[in-house]
Amino acid sequence: MLIRNECVLIDFQYMLEAQARRCLDFIDGASKVLAGNLQKVGASMYLLTPINVIVDAEEMTLAANGQDVSFNYDMKRR
């Protein structure tokens, strides 16, 4: 997906810590080889973006003009 200039949001919430760490190491290496960016956006979430995409969390909160823009990323079915 990174090669196709697509952003990827990855959630390691339901993985064992050792598995998540190995996946994160692999993805971090791939992002460097493919000239992408990897940044932590939550407790267990990472955003992988192509080099031409810039994400600034502070700027997103300013654009909301004080509105609540929180979103529940938990996709677990109950």
C-alpha atoms as a PDB file:
ATOM      1  CA  MET A   1       0.000   0.000   0.000  1.00  0.00           C
ATOM      2  CA  LEU A   2       2.880   2.354   0.728  1.00  0.00           C
ATOM      3  CA  ILE A   3       4.229   1.799  -2.783  1.00  0.00           C
ATOM      4  CA  ARG A   4       0.809   2.886  -4.141  1.00  0.00           C
ATOM      5  CA  ASN A   5       1.024   6.105  -2.038  1.00  0.00           C
ATOM      6  CA  GLU A   6      -1.689   4.980   0.362  1.00  0.00           C
ATOM      7  CA  CYS A   7      -1.772   5.601   4.107  1.00  0.00           C
ATOM      8  CA  VAL A   8      -2.113   2.672   6.482  1.00  0.00           C
ATOM      9  CA  LEU A   9      -3.410   2.801  10.047  1.00  0.00           C
ATOM     10  CA  ILE A  10      -2.140  -0.181  12.021  1.00  0.00           C
ATOM     11  CA  ASP A  11      -3.552  -1.240  15.401  1.00  0.00           C
ATOM     12  CA  PHE A  12      -1.555  -3.727  17.459  1.00  0.00           C
ATOM     13  CA  GLN A  13      -4.113  -3.788  20.285  1.00  0.00           C
ATOM     14  CA  TYR A  14      -5.068  -7.436  19.864  1.00  0.00           C
ATOM     15  CA  MET A  15      -1.569  -8.815  19.251  1.00  0.00           C
ATOM     16  CA  LEU A  16       0.843 -10.217  21.781  1.00  0.00           C
ATOM     17  CA  GLU A  17       3.531  -7.681  22.639  1.00  0.00           C
ATOM     18  CA  ALA A  18       6.368  -9.765  21.165  1.00  0.00           C
ATOM     19  CA  GLN A  19       4.493 -10.233  17.877  1.00  0.00           C
ATOM     20  CA  ALA A  20       3.546  -6.562  17.705  1.00  0.00           C
ATOM     21  CA  ARG A  21       7.165  -5.533  18.293  1.00  0.00           C
ATOM     22  CA  ARG A  22       8.407  -7.785  15.472  1.00  0.00           C
ATOM     23  CA  CYS A  23       5.748  -6.471  13.078  1.00  0.00           C
ATOM     24  CA  LEU A  24       6.541  -2.896  14.041  1.00  0.00           C
ATOM     25  CA  ASP A  25      10.269  -3.466  13.451  1.00  0.00           C
ATOM     26  CA  PHE A  26       9.531  -4.910  10.008  1.00  0.00           C
ATOM     27  CA  ILE A  27       7.134  -2.086   9.082  1.00  0.00           C
ATOM     28  CA  ASP A  28       9.588   0.534  10.329  1.00  0.00           C
ATOM     29  CA  GLY A  29      12.323  -0.949   8.124  1.00  0.00           C
ATOM     30  CA  ALA A  30       9.992  -1.117   5.124  1.00  0.00           C
ATOM     31  CA  SER A  31       8.960   2.510   5.626  1.00  0.00           C
ATOM     32  CA  LYS A  32      12.597   3.598   5.547  1.00  0.00           C
ATOM     33  CA  VAL A  33      13.358   1.585   2.396  1.00  0.00           C
ATOM     34  CA  LEU A  34      10.237   2.919   0.641  1.00  0.00           C
ATOM     35  CA  ALA A  35      10.804   6.506   1.835  1.00  0.00           C
ATOM     36  CA  GLY A  36       7.728   6.567   4.040  1.00  0.00           C
ATOM     37  CA  ASN A  37       6.968   7.820   7.522  1.00  0.00           C
ATOM     38  CA  LEU A  38       5.844   5.868  10.558  1.00  0.00           C
ATOM     39  CA  GLN A  39       4.456   7.646  13.574  1.00  0.00           C
ATOM     40  CA  LYS A  40       2.663   6.604  16.734  1.00  0.00           C
ATOM     41  CA  VAL A  41      -0.865   8.015  16.861  1.00  0.00           C
ATOM     42  CA  GLY A  42      -2.297   6.107  19.824  1.00  0.00           C
ATOM     43  CA  ALA A  43      -1.401   3.708  22.612  1.00  0.00           C
ATOM     44  CA  SER A  44      -1.189   0.788  20.183  1.00  0.00           C
ATOM     45  CA  MET A  45      -1.770   2.514  16.837  1.00  0.00           C
ATOM     46  CA  TYR A  46       0.728   3.597  14.203  1.00  0.00           C
ATOM     47  CA  LEU A  47       0.198   5.520  10.994  1.00  0.00           C
ATOM     48  CA  LEU A  48       2.299   4.590   7.964  1.00  0.00           C
ATOM     49  CA  THR A  49       2.308   7.300   5.301  1.00  0.00           C
ATOM     50  CA  PRO A  50       4.073   7.913   1.985  1.00  0.00           C
ATOM     51  CA  ILE A  51       6.775  10.588   1.909  1.00  0.00           C
ATOM     52  CA  ASN A  52       4.413  13.154   0.349  1.00  0.00           C
ATOM     53  CA  VAL A  53       1.893  12.988   3.242  1.00  0.00           C
ATOM     54  CA  ILE A  54       2.374  15.070   6.384  1.00  0.00           C
ATOM     55  CA  VAL A  55       0.216  14.431   9.447  1.00  0.00           C
ATOM     56  CA  ASP A  56       0.261  16.933  12.298  1.00  0.00           C
ATOM     57  CA  ALA A  57      -2.008  15.976  15.209  1.00  0.00           C
ATOM     58  CA  GLU A  58      -1.781  19.466  16.727  1.00  0.00           C
ATOM     59  CA  GLU A  59      -2.950  21.017  13.467  1.00  0.00           C
ATOM     60  CA  MET A  60      -5.929  18.646  13.364  1.00  0.00           C
ATOM     61  CA  THR A  61      -7.121  19.783  16.798  1.00  0.00           C
ATOM     62  CA  LEU A  62      -6.778  23.442  15.788  1.00  0.00           C
ATOM     63  CA  ALA A  63      -8.869  22.847  12.667  1.00  0.00           C
ATOM     64  CA  ALA A  64     -11.695  21.438  14.808  1.00  0.00           C
ATOM     65  CA  ASN A  65     -12.311  24.886  16.383  1.00  0.00           C
ATOM     66  CA  GLY A  66     -12.853  23.414  19.814  1.00  0.00           C
ATOM     67  CA  GLN A  67     -15.297  20.703  18.703  1.00  0.00           C
ATOM     68  CA  ASP A  68     -14.987  17.188  20.043  1.00  0.00           C
ATOM     69  CA  VAL A  69     -13.328  15.196  17.252  1.00  0.00           C
ATOM     70  CA  SER A  70     -12.558  12.061  19.242  1.00  0.00           C
ATOM     71  CA  PHE A  71     -13.145   8.778  17.471  1.00  0.00           C
ATOM     72  CA  ASN A  72     -13.314   5.263  18.841  1.00  0.00           C
ATOM     73  CA  TYR A  73     -10.924   3.187  16.719  1.00  0.00           C
ATOM     74  CA  ASP A  74     -11.835  -0.064  18.494  1.00  0.00           C
ATOM     75  CA  MET A  75     -13.268  -2.264  15.749  1.00  0.00           C
ATOM     76  CA  LYS A  76     -13.749  -5.303  17.997  1.00  0.00           C
ATOM     77  CA  ARG A  77     -17.220  -6.761  17.614  1.00  0.00           C
ATOM     78  CA  ARG A  78     -19.149  -7.143  20.835  1.00  0.00           C
END
